[in-house]
């Protein structure tokens, strides 16, 4: 199922699954050549790695910023360590 009814988490998961499948198909053999492209340094595998890296770095389903600790009140005495 594809279309405008997918959530951001579903789109994220499908991108990750597709990138992993591409990496399995373009995994270099013992001669370090891609079995599909027959080249060293397969650009398709590089693109799939970039997608996985971006998906790991960005969490698209989080829209709110992380809460920060409140500033200490200058009138309060310092807390013991």
PDB file of N, CA and C in Angstrom:
ATOM      1  N   UNK A   1       0.839  -1.171   0.000  1.00  0.00           N
ATOM      2  CA  UNK A   1       0.000   0.000   0.000  1.00  0.00           C
ATOM      3  C   UNK A   1       0.888   1.240   0.000  1.00  0.00           C
ATOM      4  N   UNK A   2       0.695   2.064  -0.957  1.00  0.00           N
ATOM      5  CA  UNK A   2       1.397   3.349  -0.988  1.00  0.00           C
ATOM      6  C   UNK A   2       0.365   4.431  -1.217  1.00  0.00           C
ATOM      7  N   UNK A   3       0.697   5.603  -0.866  1.00  0.00           N
ATOM      8  CA  UNK A   3      -0.226   6.696  -1.099  1.00  0.00           C
ATOM      9  C   UNK A   3      -0.144   7.721   0.005  1.00  0.00           C
ATOM     10  N   UNK A   4      -1.068   8.661  -0.021  1.00  0.00           N
ATOM     11  CA  UNK A   4      -1.030   9.748   0.955  1.00  0.00           C
ATOM     12  C   UNK A   4      -1.512   9.328   2.339  1.00  0.00           C
ATOM     13  N   UNK A   5      -1.893   8.065   2.521  1.00  0.00           N
ATOM     14  CA  UNK A   5      -2.445   7.631   3.789  1.00  0.00           C
ATOM     15  C   UNK A   5      -1.387   7.031   4.707  1.00  0.00           C
ATOM     16  N   UNK A   6      -0.138   7.019   4.301  1.00  0.00           N
ATOM     17  CA  UNK A   6       0.927   6.471   5.136  1.00  0.00           C
ATOM     18  C   UNK A   6       1.403   7.522   6.123  1.00  0.00           C
ATOM     19  N   UNK A   7       1.703   7.069   7.318  1.00  0.00           N
ATOM     20  CA  UNK A   7       2.266   7.977   8.312  1.00  0.00           C
ATOM     21  C   UNK A   7       3.760   8.155   8.028  1.00  0.00           C
ATOM     22  N   UNK A   8       4.350   9.128   8.683  1.00  0.00           N
ATOM     23  CA  UNK A   8       5.779   9.349   8.504  1.00  0.00           C
ATOM     24  C   UNK A   8       6.588   8.148   8.980  1.00  0.00           C
ATOM     25  N   UNK A   9       6.143   7.500  10.034  1.00  0.00           N
ATOM     26  CA  UNK A   9       6.845   6.314  10.535  1.00  0.00           C
ATOM     27  C   UNK A   9       6.787   5.173   9.522  1.00  0.00           C
ATOM     28  N   UNK A  10       5.647   5.005   8.845  1.00  0.00           N
ATOM     29  CA  UNK A  10       5.531   3.957   7.837  1.00  0.00           C
ATOM     30  C   UNK A  10       6.435   4.244   6.637  1.00  0.00           C
ATOM     31  N   UNK A  11       6.488   5.492   6.231  1.00  0.00           N
ATOM     32  CA  UNK A  11       7.366   5.867   5.110  1.00  0.00           C
ATOM     33  C   UNK A  11       8.817   5.635   5.504  1.00  0.00           C
ATOM     34  N   UNK A  12       9.182   6.021   6.714  1.00  0.00           N
ATOM     35  CA  UNK A  12      10.533   5.808   7.222  1.00  0.00           C
ATOM     36  C   UNK A  12      10.887   4.328   7.197  1.00  0.00           C
ATOM     37  N   UNK A  13       9.986   3.494   7.708  1.00  0.00           N
ATOM     38  CA  UNK A  13      10.241   2.051   7.745  1.00  0.00           C
ATOM     39  C   UNK A  13      10.387   1.463   6.347  1.00  0.00           C
ATOM     40  N   UNK A  14       9.593   1.904   5.410  1.00  0.00           N
ATOM     41  CA  UNK A  14       9.699   1.387   4.042  1.00  0.00           C
ATOM     42  C   UNK A  14      10.998   1.807   3.377  1.00  0.00           C
ATOM     43  N   UNK A  15      11.442   3.023   3.646  1.00  0.00           N
ATOM     44  CA  UNK A  15      12.737   3.457   3.104  1.00  0.00           C
ATOM     45  C   UNK A  15      13.869   2.604   3.658  1.00  0.00           C
ATOM     46  N   UNK A  16      13.823   2.316   4.957  1.00  0.00           N
ATOM     47  CA  UNK A  16      14.862   1.509   5.583  1.00  0.00           C
ATOM     48  C   UNK A  16      14.843   0.092   5.023  1.00  0.00           C
ATOM     49  N   UNK A  17      13.660  -0.509   4.911  1.00  0.00           N
ATOM     50  CA  UNK A  17      13.560  -1.869   4.382  1.00  0.00           C
ATOM     51  C   UNK A  17      14.051  -1.951   2.936  1.00  0.00           C
ATOM     52  N   UNK A  18      13.702  -0.958   2.136  1.00  0.00           N
ATOM     53  CA  UNK A  18      14.138  -0.951   0.745  1.00  0.00           C
ATOM     54  C   UNK A  18      15.649  -0.783   0.643  1.00  0.00           C
ATOM     55  N   UNK A  19      16.217   0.103   1.454  1.00  0.00           N
ATOM     56  CA  UNK A  19      17.668   0.310   1.431  1.00  0.00           C
ATOM     57  C   UNK A  19      18.403  -0.956   1.862  1.00  0.00           C
ATOM     58  N   UNK A  20      17.874  -1.657   2.862  1.00  0.00           N
ATOM     59  CA  UNK A  20      18.510  -2.907   3.294  1.00  0.00           C
ATOM     60  C   UNK A  20      18.447  -3.966   2.200  1.00  0.00           C
ATOM     61  N   UNK A  21      17.318  -4.040   1.506  1.00  0.00           N
ATOM     62  CA  UNK A  21      17.182  -5.012   0.419  1.00  0.00           C
ATOM     63  C   UNK A  21      18.165  -4.696  -0.710  1.00  0.00           C
ATOM     64  N   UNK A  22      18.312  -3.423  -1.028  1.00  0.00           N
ATOM     65  CA  UNK A  22      19.269  -3.022  -2.075  1.00  0.00           C
ATOM     66  C   UNK A  22      20.682  -3.398  -1.659  1.00  0.00           C
ATOM     67  N   UNK A  23      21.016  -3.190  -0.389  1.00  0.00           N
ATOM     68  CA  UNK A  23      22.360  -3.553   0.075  1.00  0.00           C
ATOM     69  C   UNK A  23      22.604  -5.053  -0.009  1.00  0.00           C
ATOM     70  N   UNK A  24      21.580  -5.845   0.260  1.00  0.00           N
ATOM     71  CA  UNK A  24      21.744  -7.301   0.124  1.00  0.00           C
ATOM     72  C   UNK A  24      21.968  -7.690  -1.334  1.00  0.00           C
ATOM     73  N   UNK A  25      21.262  -7.048  -2.250  1.00  0.00           N
ATOM     74  CA  UNK A  25      21.393  -7.377  -3.668  1.00  0.00           C
ATOM     75  C   UNK A  25      22.714  -6.890  -4.251  1.00  0.00           C
ATOM     76  N   UNK A  26      23.259  -5.832  -3.704  1.00  0.00           N
ATOM     77  CA  UNK A  26      24.490  -5.235  -4.241  1.00  0.00           C
ATOM     78  C   UNK A  26      25.669  -5.459  -3.306  1.00  0.00           C
ATOM     79  N   UNK A  27      25.612  -6.494  -2.492  1.00  0.00           N
ATOM     80  CA  UNK A  27      26.719  -6.805  -1.587  1.00  0.00           C
ATOM     81  C   UNK A  27      27.902  -7.321  -2.403  1.00  0.00           C
ATOM     82  N   UNK A  28      29.073  -6.732  -2.234  1.00  0.00           N
ATOM     83  CA  UNK A  28      30.228  -7.148  -3.047  1.00  0.00           C
ATOM     84  C   UNK A  28      30.637  -8.589  -2.755  1.00  0.00           C
ATOM     85  N   UNK A  29      31.123  -9.247  -3.798  1.00  0.00           N
ATOM     86  CA  UNK A  29      31.597 -10.616  -3.674  1.00  0.00           C
ATOM     87  C   UNK A  29      33.034 -10.660  -3.198  1.00  0.00           C
ATOM     88  N   UNK A  30      33.652 -11.831  -3.259  1.00  0.00           N
ATOM     89  CA  UNK A  30      35.043 -11.970  -2.804  1.00  0.00           C
ATOM     90  C   UNK A  30      36.025 -11.119  -3.614  1.00  0.00           C
ATOM     91  N   UNK A  31      35.678 -10.820  -4.855  1.00  0.00           N
ATOM     92  CA  UNK A  31      36.554  -9.975  -5.680  1.00  0.00           C
ATOM     93  C   UNK A  31      36.263  -8.485  -5.512  1.00  0.00           C
ATOM     94  N   UNK A  32      35.413  -8.138  -4.507  1.00  0.00           N
ATOM     95  CA  UNK A  32      35.048  -6.755  -4.185  1.00  0.00           C
ATOM     96  C   UNK A  32      34.285  -6.064  -5.300  1.00  0.00           C
ATOM     97  N   UNK A  33      33.617  -6.833  -6.121  1.00  0.00           N
ATOM     98  CA  UNK A  33      32.802  -6.258  -7.190  1.00  0.00           C
ATOM     99  C   UNK A  33      31.343  -6.550  -6.913  1.00  0.00           C
ATOM    100  N   UNK A  34      30.492  -5.622  -7.248  1.00  0.00           N
ATOM    101  CA  UNK A  34      29.052  -5.773  -7.072  1.00  0.00           C
ATOM    102  C   UNK A  34      28.556  -6.835  -8.053  1.00  0.00           C
ATOM    103  N   UNK A  35      27.769  -7.817  -7.599  1.00  0.00           N
ATOM    104  CA  UNK A  35      27.290  -8.850  -8.518  1.00  0.00           C
ATOM    105  C   UNK A  35      26.290  -8.322  -9.541  1.00  0.00           C
ATOM    106  N   UNK A  36      25.588  -7.243  -9.229  1.00  0.00           N
ATOM    107  CA  UNK A  36      24.619  -6.682 -10.169  1.00  0.00           C
ATOM    108  C   UNK A  36      25.273  -5.717 -11.151  1.00  0.00           C
ATOM    109  N   UNK A  37      26.096  -4.819 -10.637  1.00  0.00           N
ATOM    110  CA  UNK A  37      26.715  -3.781 -11.473  1.00  0.00           C
ATOM    111  C   UNK A  37      28.061  -4.208 -12.054  1.00  0.00           C
ATOM    112  N   UNK A  38      28.708  -5.170 -11.408  1.00  0.00           N
ATOM    113  CA  UNK A  38      30.040  -5.642 -11.795  1.00  0.00           C
ATOM    114  C   UNK A  38      31.077  -4.531 -11.720  1.00  0.00           C
ATOM    115  N   UNK A  39      30.909  -3.645 -10.773  1.00  0.00           N
ATOM    116  CA  UNK A  39      31.880  -2.568 -10.573  1.00  0.00           C
ATOM    117  C   UNK A  39      32.348  -2.584  -9.121  1.00  0.00           C
ATOM    118  N   UNK A  40      33.502  -2.006  -8.896  1.00  0.00           N
ATOM    119  CA  UNK A  40      33.938  -1.799  -7.517  1.00  0.00           C
ATOM    120  C   UNK A  40      33.409  -0.436  -7.077  1.00  0.00           C
ATOM    121  N   UNK A  41      33.050  -0.320  -5.831  1.00  0.00           N
ATOM    122  CA  UNK A  41      32.496   0.950  -5.355  1.00  0.00           C
ATOM    123  C   UNK A  41      31.131   1.224  -5.970  1.00  0.00           C
ATOM    124  N   UNK A  42      30.213   0.296  -5.831  1.00  0.00           N
ATOM    125  CA  UNK A  42      28.879   0.379  -6.435  1.00  0.00           C
ATOM    126  C   UNK A  42      28.149   1.653  -5.977  1.00  0.00           C
ATOM    127  N   UNK A  43      27.749   2.521  -6.909  1.00  0.00           N
ATOM    128  CA  UNK A  43      27.065   3.755  -6.519  1.00  0.00           C
ATOM    129  C   UNK A  43      25.670   3.494  -5.948  1.00  0.00           C
ATOM    130  N   UNK A  44      25.035   2.406  -6.340  1.00  0.00           N
ATOM    131  CA  UNK A  44      23.712   2.092  -5.816  1.00  0.00           C
ATOM    132  C   UNK A  44      23.815   1.688  -4.343  1.00  0.00           C
ATOM    133  N   UNK A  45      24.815   0.892  -4.019  1.00  0.00           N
ATOM    134  CA  UNK A  45      25.027   0.515  -2.620  1.00  0.00           C
ATOM    135  C   UNK A  45      25.406   1.742  -1.790  1.00  0.00           C
ATOM    136  N   UNK A  46      26.178   2.640  -2.367  1.00  0.00           N
ATOM    137  CA  UNK A  46      26.527   3.876  -1.655  1.00  0.00           C
ATOM    138  C   UNK A  46      25.284   4.704  -1.357  1.00  0.00           C
ATOM    139  N   UNK A  47      24.374   4.794  -2.312  1.00  0.00           N
ATOM    140  CA  UNK A  47      23.132   5.544  -2.105  1.00  0.00           C
ATOM    141  C   UNK A  47      22.276   4.884  -1.032  1.00  0.00           C
ATOM    142  N   UNK A  48      22.223   3.555  -1.018  1.00  0.00           N
ATOM    143  CA  UNK A  48      21.455   2.849   0.008  1.00  0.00           C
ATOM    144  C   UNK A  48      22.061   3.081   1.389  1.00  0.00           C
ATOM    145  N   UNK A  49      23.388   3.101   1.476  1.00  0.00           N
ATOM    146  CA  UNK A  49      24.043   3.394   2.754  1.00  0.00           C
ATOM    147  C   UNK A  49      23.734   4.816   3.217  1.00  0.00           C
ATOM    148  N   UNK A  50      23.691   5.757   2.272  1.00  0.00           N
ATOM    149  CA  UNK A  50      23.350   7.132   2.616  1.00  0.00           C
ATOM    150  C   UNK A  50      21.923   7.237   3.152  1.00  0.00           C
ATOM    151  N   UNK A  51      20.997   6.483   2.543  1.00  0.00           N
ATOM    152  CA  UNK A  51      19.611   6.493   3.009  1.00  0.00           C
ATOM    153  C   UNK A  51      19.533   5.946   4.429  1.00  0.00           C
ATOM    154  N   UNK A  52      20.230   4.840   4.690  1.00  0.00           N
ATOM    155  CA  UNK A  52      20.225   4.272   6.034  1.00  0.00           C
ATOM    156  C   UNK A  52      20.841   5.230   7.050  1.00  0.00           C
ATOM    157  N   UNK A  53      21.916   5.886   6.656  1.00  0.00           N
ATOM    158  CA  UNK A  53      22.568   6.844   7.554  1.00  0.00           C
ATOM    159  C   UNK A  53      21.623   8.008   7.860  1.00  0.00           C
ATOM    160  N   UNK A  54      20.959   8.530   6.844  1.00  0.00           N
ATOM    161  CA  UNK A  54      20.033   9.642   7.046  1.00  0.00           C
ATOM    162  C   UNK A  54      18.833   9.211   7.887  1.00  0.00           C
ATOM    163  N   UNK A  55      18.350   8.002   7.665  1.00  0.00           N
ATOM    164  CA  UNK A  55      17.200   7.515   8.428  1.00  0.00           C
ATOM    165  C   UNK A  55      17.568   7.310   9.888  1.00  0.00           C
ATOM    166  N   UNK A  56      18.799   6.944  10.147  1.00  0.00           N
ATOM    167  CA  UNK A  56      19.242   6.754  11.527  1.00  0.00           C
ATOM    168  C   UNK A  56      19.421   8.094  12.227  1.00  0.00           C
ATOM    169  N   UNK A  57      19.923   9.080  11.510  1.00  0.00           N
ATOM    170  CA  UNK A  57      20.182  10.389  12.105  1.00  0.00           C
ATOM    171  C   UNK A  57      18.894  11.175  12.360  1.00  0.00           C
ATOM    172  N   UNK A  58      17.974  11.127  11.418  1.00  0.00           N
ATOM    173  CA  UNK A  58      16.740  11.899  11.537  1.00  0.00           C
ATOM    174  C   UNK A  58      15.623  11.009  12.042  1.00  0.00           C
ATOM    175  N   UNK A  59      14.898  11.493  12.989  1.00  0.00           N
ATOM    176  CA  UNK A  59      13.719  10.778  13.446  1.00  0.00           C
ATOM    177  C   UNK A  59      12.525  11.613  13.027  1.00  0.00           C
ATOM    178  N   UNK A  60      11.975  11.278  11.870  1.00  0.00           N
ATOM    179  CA  UNK A  60      10.964  12.108  11.239  1.00  0.00           C
ATOM    180  C   UNK A  60       9.653  12.167  12.005  1.00  0.00           C
ATOM    181  N   UNK A  61       9.385  11.168  12.827  1.00  0.00           N
ATOM    182  CA  UNK A  61       8.102  11.162  13.511  1.00  0.00           C
ATOM    183  C   UNK A  61       8.106  12.037  14.752  1.00  0.00           C
ATOM    184  N   UNK A  62       9.243  12.570  15.136  1.00  0.00           N
ATOM    185  CA  UNK A  62       9.308  13.507  16.258  1.00  0.00           C
ATOM    186  C   UNK A  62       9.211  14.916  15.711  1.00  0.00           C
ATOM    187  N   UNK A  63       8.153  15.610  16.053  1.00  0.00           N
ATOM    188  CA  UNK A  63       7.995  16.977  15.560  1.00  0.00           C
ATOM    189  C   UNK A  63       8.274  18.004  16.649  1.00  0.00           C
ATOM    190  N   UNK A  64       8.110  17.616  17.920  1.00  0.00           N
ATOM    191  CA  UNK A  64       8.345  18.557  19.019  1.00  0.00           C
ATOM    192  C   UNK A  64       9.813  18.532  19.421  1.00  0.00           C
ATOM    193  N   UNK A  65      10.375  19.672  19.751  1.00  0.00           N
ATOM    194  CA  UNK A  65      11.767  19.685  20.207  1.00  0.00           C
ATOM    195  C   UNK A  65      11.882  19.025  21.573  1.00  0.00           C
ATOM    196  N   UNK A  66      13.062  18.561  21.880  1.00  0.00           N
ATOM    197  CA  UNK A  66      13.330  17.939  23.173  1.00  0.00           C
ATOM    198  C   UNK A  66      13.182  18.981  24.278  1.00  0.00           C
ATOM    199  N   UNK A  67      12.563  18.610  25.400  1.00  0.00           N
ATOM    200  CA  UNK A  67      12.445  19.578  26.504  1.00  0.00           C
ATOM    201  C   UNK A  67      13.812  19.861  27.111  1.00  0.00           C
ATOM    202  N   UNK A  68      13.982  21.078  27.533  1.00  0.00           N
ATOM    203  CA  UNK A  68      15.247  21.468  28.156  1.00  0.00           C
ATOM    204  C   UNK A  68      15.020  21.654  29.649  1.00  0.00           C
ATOM    205  N   UNK A  69      16.094  21.604  30.403  1.00  0.00           N
ATOM    206  CA  UNK A  69      16.003  21.805  31.849  1.00  0.00           C
ATOM    207  C   UNK A  69      15.711  23.276  32.118  1.00  0.00           C
ATOM    208  N   UNK A  70      14.874  23.544  33.114  1.00  0.00           N
ATOM    209  CA  UNK A  70      14.570  24.951  33.423  1.00  0.00           C
ATOM    210  C   UNK A  70      15.790  25.652  34.002  1.00  0.00           C
ATOM    211  N   UNK A  71      15.848  26.939  33.766  1.00  0.00           N
ATOM    212  CA  UNK A  71      16.944  27.730  34.325  1.00  0.00           C
ATOM    213  C   UNK A  71      16.801  27.799  35.844  1.00  0.00           C
ATOM    214  N   UNK A  72      17.910  27.701  36.574  1.00  0.00           N
ATOM    215  CA  UNK A  72      17.815  27.767  38.041  1.00  0.00           C
ATOM    216  C   UNK A  72      17.408  29.163  38.477  1.00  0.00           C
ATOM    217  N   UNK A  73      16.623  29.206  39.548  1.00  0.00           N
ATOM    218  CA  UNK A  73      16.176  30.477  40.101  1.00  0.00           C
ATOM    219  C   UNK A  73      17.332  31.072  40.917  1.00  0.00           C
ATOM    220  N   UNK A  74      17.708  32.315  40.663  1.00  0.00           N
ATOM    221  CA  UNK A  74      18.854  32.893  41.386  1.00  0.00           C
ATOM    222  C   UNK A  74      18.589  33.047  42.885  1.00  0.00           C
ATOM    223  N   UNK A  75      17.307  33.062  43.332  1.00  0.00           N
ATOM    224  CA  UNK A  75      17.001  33.220  44.752  1.00  0.00           C
ATOM    225  C   UNK A  75      17.113  31.909  45.522  1.00  0.00           C
ATOM    226  N   UNK A  76      17.117  30.749  44.827  1.00  0.00           N
ATOM    227  CA  UNK A  76      17.215  29.456  45.492  1.00  0.00           C
ATOM    228  C   UNK A  76      18.650  29.196  45.921  1.00  0.00           C
ATOM    229  N   UNK A  77      18.825  28.595  47.120  1.00  0.00           N
ATOM    230  CA  UNK A  77      20.205  28.242  47.547  1.00  0.00           C
ATOM    231  C   UNK A  77      20.733  27.103  46.664  1.00  0.00           C
ATOM    232  N   UNK A  78      22.045  26.988  46.505  1.00  0.00           N
ATOM    233  CA  UNK A  78      22.607  25.929  45.673  1.00  0.00           C
ATOM    234  C   UNK A  78      22.330  24.556  46.297  1.00  0.00           C
ATOM    235  N   UNK A  79      22.108  23.576  45.432  1.00  0.00           N
ATOM    236  CA  UNK A  79      21.825  22.215  45.882  1.00  0.00           C
ATOM    237  C   UNK A  79      23.127  21.506  46.229  1.00  0.00           C
ATOM    238  N   UNK A  80      23.153  20.708  47.324  1.00  0.00           N
ATOM    239  CA  UNK A  80      24.380  19.977  47.655  1.00  0.00           C
ATOM    240  C   UNK A  80      24.622  18.857  46.638  1.00  0.00           C
ATOM    241  N   UNK A  81      25.864  18.594  46.363  1.00  0.00           N
ATOM    242  CA  UNK A  81      26.228  17.547  45.414  1.00  0.00           C
ATOM    243  C   UNK A  81      26.273  16.269  46.099  1.00  0.00           C
TER     244      UNK A  81
END
